[in-house]
N, C-alpha and C. Protein backbone atom coordinates (compact mmCIF):
# COMPACT_ATOMS: atom_id res chain seq x y z
N UNK A 1 15.72 -0.99 -22.62
CA UNK A 1 15.77 -2.13 -21.71
C UNK A 1 16.98 -2.02 -20.80
N UNK A 2 18.12 -1.70 -21.38
CA UNK A 2 19.35 -1.61 -20.58
C UNK A 2 19.26 -0.49 -19.56
N UNK A 3 18.63 0.62 -19.92
CA UNK A 3 18.49 1.74 -18.99
C UNK A 3 17.69 1.34 -17.76
N UNK A 4 16.54 0.74 -17.95
CA UNK A 4 15.70 0.39 -16.80
C UNK A 4 16.26 -0.78 -16.01
N UNK A 5 16.98 -1.67 -16.67
CA UNK A 5 17.68 -2.73 -15.93
C UNK A 5 18.72 -2.10 -15.01
N UNK A 6 19.47 -1.15 -15.54
CA UNK A 6 20.48 -0.45 -14.75
C UNK A 6 19.86 0.33 -13.60
N UNK A 7 18.80 1.09 -13.89
CA UNK A 7 18.15 1.89 -12.85
C UNK A 7 17.60 1.02 -11.72
N UNK A 8 17.03 -0.12 -12.07
CA UNK A 8 16.40 -0.98 -11.07
C UNK A 8 17.39 -1.81 -10.28
N UNK A 9 18.57 -2.06 -10.82
CA UNK A 9 19.50 -2.97 -10.13
C UNK A 9 20.78 -2.30 -9.67
N UNK A 10 21.54 -1.71 -10.56
CA UNK A 10 22.85 -1.17 -10.21
C UNK A 10 22.81 0.27 -9.68
N UNK A 11 21.90 1.07 -10.19
CA UNK A 11 21.85 2.48 -9.82
C UNK A 11 21.62 2.67 -8.32
N UNK A 12 20.89 1.76 -7.71
CA UNK A 12 20.58 1.88 -6.28
C UNK A 12 21.81 1.74 -5.41
N UNK A 13 22.89 1.20 -5.94
CA UNK A 13 24.10 1.03 -5.14
C UNK A 13 24.92 2.32 -5.03
N UNK A 14 24.65 3.30 -5.88
CA UNK A 14 25.36 4.58 -5.84
C UNK A 14 24.60 5.56 -4.96
N UNK A 15 24.83 5.47 -3.66
CA UNK A 15 24.05 6.24 -2.68
C UNK A 15 24.08 7.74 -2.90
N UNK A 16 25.26 8.31 -3.21
CA UNK A 16 25.34 9.76 -3.36
C UNK A 16 24.40 10.27 -4.45
N UNK A 17 24.39 9.60 -5.57
CA UNK A 17 23.57 10.02 -6.70
C UNK A 17 22.11 9.61 -6.47
N UNK A 18 21.91 8.38 -6.05
CA UNK A 18 20.57 7.82 -5.92
C UNK A 18 19.73 8.62 -4.93
N UNK A 19 20.31 9.04 -3.83
CA UNK A 19 19.54 9.75 -2.82
C UNK A 19 19.32 11.22 -3.16
N UNK A 20 19.96 11.71 -4.20
CA UNK A 20 19.72 13.09 -4.62
C UNK A 20 18.54 13.21 -5.58
N UNK A 21 18.00 12.09 -6.02
CA UNK A 21 16.85 12.10 -6.93
C UNK A 21 15.57 12.31 -6.13
N UNK A 22 14.69 13.14 -6.64
CA UNK A 22 13.39 13.29 -6.02
C UNK A 22 12.51 12.16 -6.52
N UNK A 23 12.08 11.28 -5.63
CA UNK A 23 11.31 10.10 -6.06
C UNK A 23 10.07 10.44 -6.86
N UNK A 24 9.37 11.50 -6.50
CA UNK A 24 8.12 11.80 -7.19
C UNK A 24 8.34 12.10 -8.67
N UNK A 25 9.40 12.81 -9.00
CA UNK A 25 9.65 13.11 -10.41
C UNK A 25 10.04 11.86 -11.19
N UNK A 26 10.84 10.99 -10.57
CA UNK A 26 11.19 9.72 -11.23
C UNK A 26 9.99 8.85 -11.47
N UNK A 27 9.08 8.82 -10.51
CA UNK A 27 7.87 8.00 -10.64
C UNK A 27 6.95 8.57 -11.71
N UNK A 28 6.76 9.87 -11.72
CA UNK A 28 5.89 10.49 -12.72
C UNK A 28 6.43 10.24 -14.13
N UNK A 29 7.73 10.41 -14.32
CA UNK A 29 8.32 10.17 -15.65
C UNK A 29 8.21 8.70 -16.07
N UNK A 30 8.40 7.80 -15.13
CA UNK A 30 8.30 6.37 -15.44
C UNK A 30 6.87 6.00 -15.79
N UNK A 31 5.89 6.50 -15.04
CA UNK A 31 4.49 6.20 -15.34
C UNK A 31 4.08 6.80 -16.69
N UNK A 32 4.58 7.98 -17.00
CA UNK A 32 4.29 8.58 -18.30
C UNK A 32 4.83 7.68 -19.43
N UNK A 33 6.03 7.18 -19.24
CA UNK A 33 6.63 6.30 -20.24
C UNK A 33 5.82 5.01 -20.38
N UNK A 34 5.37 4.44 -19.27
CA UNK A 34 4.53 3.24 -19.32
C UNK A 34 3.24 3.51 -20.08
N UNK A 35 2.62 4.63 -19.78
CA UNK A 35 1.32 4.95 -20.36
C UNK A 35 1.38 5.22 -21.86
N UNK A 36 2.37 5.96 -22.30
CA UNK A 36 2.38 6.40 -23.70
C UNK A 36 3.27 5.60 -24.63
N UNK A 37 4.22 4.86 -24.10
CA UNK A 37 5.15 4.15 -24.98
C UNK A 37 5.17 2.64 -24.79
N UNK A 38 5.02 2.18 -23.56
CA UNK A 38 5.14 0.74 -23.31
C UNK A 38 3.86 0.14 -22.78
N UNK A 39 2.75 0.51 -23.41
CA UNK A 39 1.45 -0.04 -23.06
C UNK A 39 1.34 -1.47 -23.56
N UNK A 40 0.48 -2.23 -22.91
CA UNK A 40 0.20 -3.60 -23.35
C UNK A 40 -1.15 -3.62 -24.06
N UNK A 41 -2.16 -2.99 -23.47
CA UNK A 41 -3.46 -2.86 -24.10
C UNK A 41 -3.44 -1.59 -24.93
N UNK A 42 -3.72 -1.70 -26.22
CA UNK A 42 -3.59 -0.58 -27.14
C UNK A 42 -4.56 0.55 -26.83
N UNK A 43 -4.02 1.68 -26.37
CA UNK A 43 -4.86 2.86 -26.16
C UNK A 43 -4.83 3.72 -27.41
N UNK A 44 -5.33 3.22 -28.53
CA UNK A 44 -5.11 3.80 -29.85
C UNK A 44 -5.21 5.32 -29.90
N UNK A 45 -5.99 5.92 -29.07
CA UNK A 45 -6.07 7.38 -29.09
C UNK A 45 -4.87 8.04 -28.40
N UNK A 46 -4.06 7.27 -27.66
CA UNK A 46 -2.95 7.85 -26.92
C UNK A 46 -1.59 7.48 -27.50
N UNK A 47 -1.55 6.50 -28.34
CA UNK A 47 -0.27 5.96 -28.80
C UNK A 47 0.57 7.00 -29.55
N UNK A 48 1.83 7.12 -29.16
CA UNK A 48 2.76 8.01 -29.84
C UNK A 48 3.77 7.23 -30.68
N UNK A 49 3.65 5.92 -30.68
CA UNK A 49 4.56 5.10 -31.48
C UNK A 49 3.74 4.19 -32.37
N UNK A 50 4.28 3.87 -33.52
CA UNK A 50 3.58 2.96 -34.41
C UNK A 50 3.91 1.53 -34.03
N UNK A 51 3.05 0.61 -34.43
CA UNK A 51 3.25 -0.81 -34.10
C UNK A 51 4.54 -1.36 -34.70
N UNK A 52 4.94 -0.85 -35.84
CA UNK A 52 6.14 -1.38 -36.49
C UNK A 52 7.42 -1.04 -35.72
N UNK A 53 7.40 0.02 -34.91
CA UNK A 53 8.58 0.41 -34.14
C UNK A 53 8.57 -0.14 -32.72
N UNK A 54 7.52 -0.83 -32.34
CA UNK A 54 7.39 -1.32 -30.97
C UNK A 54 8.14 -2.63 -30.76
N UNK A 55 8.67 -2.82 -29.55
CA UNK A 55 9.25 -4.12 -29.20
C UNK A 55 8.13 -5.17 -29.13
N UNK A 56 8.52 -6.41 -29.03
CA UNK A 56 7.52 -7.47 -28.89
C UNK A 56 6.83 -7.36 -27.53
N UNK A 57 5.69 -8.01 -27.39
CA UNK A 57 4.96 -7.95 -26.12
C UNK A 57 5.81 -8.53 -24.98
N UNK A 58 6.57 -9.57 -25.24
CA UNK A 58 7.43 -10.16 -24.21
C UNK A 58 8.50 -9.17 -23.77
N UNK A 59 9.08 -8.45 -24.72
CA UNK A 59 10.09 -7.44 -24.39
C UNK A 59 9.48 -6.29 -23.58
N UNK A 60 8.28 -5.89 -23.95
CA UNK A 60 7.60 -4.82 -23.22
C UNK A 60 7.31 -5.27 -21.79
N UNK A 61 6.85 -6.48 -21.62
CA UNK A 61 6.56 -6.99 -20.28
C UNK A 61 7.83 -7.02 -19.43
N UNK A 62 8.92 -7.46 -20.00
CA UNK A 62 10.18 -7.49 -19.26
C UNK A 62 10.65 -6.07 -18.91
N UNK A 63 10.51 -5.15 -19.85
CA UNK A 63 10.91 -3.77 -19.60
C UNK A 63 10.04 -3.15 -18.51
N UNK A 64 8.74 -3.40 -18.56
CA UNK A 64 7.83 -2.88 -17.54
C UNK A 64 8.18 -3.46 -16.17
N UNK A 65 8.62 -4.69 -16.14
CA UNK A 65 9.03 -5.31 -14.88
C UNK A 65 10.16 -4.52 -14.23
N UNK A 66 11.15 -4.15 -15.02
CA UNK A 66 12.27 -3.37 -14.49
C UNK A 66 11.85 -1.94 -14.14
N UNK A 67 10.95 -1.38 -14.92
CA UNK A 67 10.47 -0.03 -14.61
C UNK A 67 9.72 -0.01 -13.28
N UNK A 68 8.90 -1.03 -13.04
CA UNK A 68 8.18 -1.10 -11.78
C UNK A 68 9.12 -1.37 -10.61
N UNK A 69 10.15 -2.18 -10.83
CA UNK A 69 11.15 -2.41 -9.78
C UNK A 69 11.88 -1.11 -9.45
N UNK A 70 12.20 -0.33 -10.46
CA UNK A 70 12.85 0.97 -10.26
C UNK A 70 11.94 1.89 -9.42
N UNK A 71 10.65 1.93 -9.75
CA UNK A 71 9.73 2.76 -8.98
C UNK A 71 9.63 2.27 -7.54
N UNK A 72 9.62 0.97 -7.36
CA UNK A 72 9.58 0.41 -6.00
C UNK A 72 10.80 0.87 -5.20
N UNK A 73 11.97 0.83 -5.83
CA UNK A 73 13.19 1.27 -5.16
C UNK A 73 13.11 2.75 -4.79
N UNK A 74 12.52 3.56 -5.67
CA UNK A 74 12.36 4.98 -5.38
C UNK A 74 11.46 5.21 -4.17
N UNK A 75 10.36 4.47 -4.09
CA UNK A 75 9.44 4.63 -2.98
C UNK A 75 10.07 4.15 -1.68
N UNK A 76 10.71 3.01 -1.71
CA UNK A 76 11.30 2.44 -0.50
C UNK A 76 12.43 3.32 0.03
N UNK A 77 13.23 3.87 -0.84
CA UNK A 77 14.42 4.60 -0.41
C UNK A 77 14.14 6.06 -0.05
N UNK A 78 12.96 6.56 -0.37
CA UNK A 78 12.72 7.98 -0.11
C UNK A 78 12.56 8.23 1.38
N UNK A 79 13.22 9.27 1.87
CA UNK A 79 13.09 9.60 3.29
C UNK A 79 11.73 10.24 3.57
N UNK A 80 11.22 10.03 4.74
CA UNK A 80 9.95 10.65 5.11
C UNK A 80 8.75 9.93 4.51
N UNK A 81 7.70 10.68 4.27
CA UNK A 81 6.46 10.08 3.79
C UNK A 81 6.54 9.79 2.30
N UNK A 82 5.84 8.78 1.91
CA UNK A 82 5.76 8.43 0.49
C UNK A 82 4.35 8.67 -0.04
N UNK A 83 3.62 9.57 0.60
CA UNK A 83 2.23 9.80 0.24
C UNK A 83 2.08 10.25 -1.21
N UNK A 84 2.88 11.21 -1.65
CA UNK A 84 2.78 11.70 -3.03
C UNK A 84 3.09 10.60 -4.04
N UNK A 85 4.14 9.82 -3.76
CA UNK A 85 4.52 8.76 -4.67
C UNK A 85 3.42 7.71 -4.78
N UNK A 86 2.88 7.29 -3.65
CA UNK A 86 1.83 6.28 -3.67
C UNK A 86 0.56 6.82 -4.32
N UNK A 87 0.22 8.08 -4.09
CA UNK A 87 -0.96 8.68 -4.71
C UNK A 87 -0.80 8.72 -6.23
N UNK A 88 0.38 9.03 -6.69
CA UNK A 88 0.65 9.06 -8.14
C UNK A 88 0.48 7.68 -8.75
N UNK A 89 1.01 6.67 -8.10
CA UNK A 89 0.88 5.29 -8.59
C UNK A 89 -0.58 4.86 -8.58
N UNK A 90 -1.31 5.15 -7.52
CA UNK A 90 -2.73 4.79 -7.46
C UNK A 90 -3.53 5.51 -8.54
N UNK A 91 -3.24 6.77 -8.79
CA UNK A 91 -3.92 7.50 -9.87
C UNK A 91 -3.69 6.83 -11.21
N UNK A 92 -2.47 6.41 -11.45
CA UNK A 92 -2.15 5.71 -12.71
C UNK A 92 -2.98 4.42 -12.81
N UNK A 93 -2.99 3.65 -11.73
CA UNK A 93 -3.71 2.37 -11.74
C UNK A 93 -5.21 2.55 -11.96
N UNK A 94 -5.77 3.64 -11.45
CA UNK A 94 -7.20 3.89 -11.59
C UNK A 94 -7.60 4.48 -12.93
N UNK A 95 -6.67 5.10 -13.62
CA UNK A 95 -7.03 5.80 -14.85
C UNK A 95 -6.56 5.11 -16.13
N UNK A 96 -5.63 4.19 -16.04
CA UNK A 96 -5.11 3.53 -17.25
C UNK A 96 -5.68 2.11 -17.33
N UNK A 97 -6.50 1.84 -18.35
CA UNK A 97 -7.07 0.49 -18.49
C UNK A 97 -6.02 -0.49 -19.02
N UNK A 98 -5.73 -1.51 -18.26
CA UNK A 98 -4.76 -2.52 -18.68
C UNK A 98 -5.35 -3.91 -18.45
N UNK A 99 -6.58 -4.09 -18.88
CA UNK A 99 -7.26 -5.37 -18.68
C UNK A 99 -7.03 -6.28 -19.85
């Protein structure tokens, strides 16, 4: 939780470091984490964590909020086109059931 809070809020203020990150790799890693570790709808065939080690649903929702804010910051701050980043996000939305 602290990591994604930091990435979404304070990390963006460090321009030298923040602008050296390739947005596409940050987005891919964040989406992978959402899909396999911080899911809301149980994808029982994909889960890599047991229910006993998982945070509460409220904690997961709050963590996902910061993860999505971090990804938004990556897309907004990237120079040039954001086509790859947006395509990656759309692919995630179309393939991961979260109903």
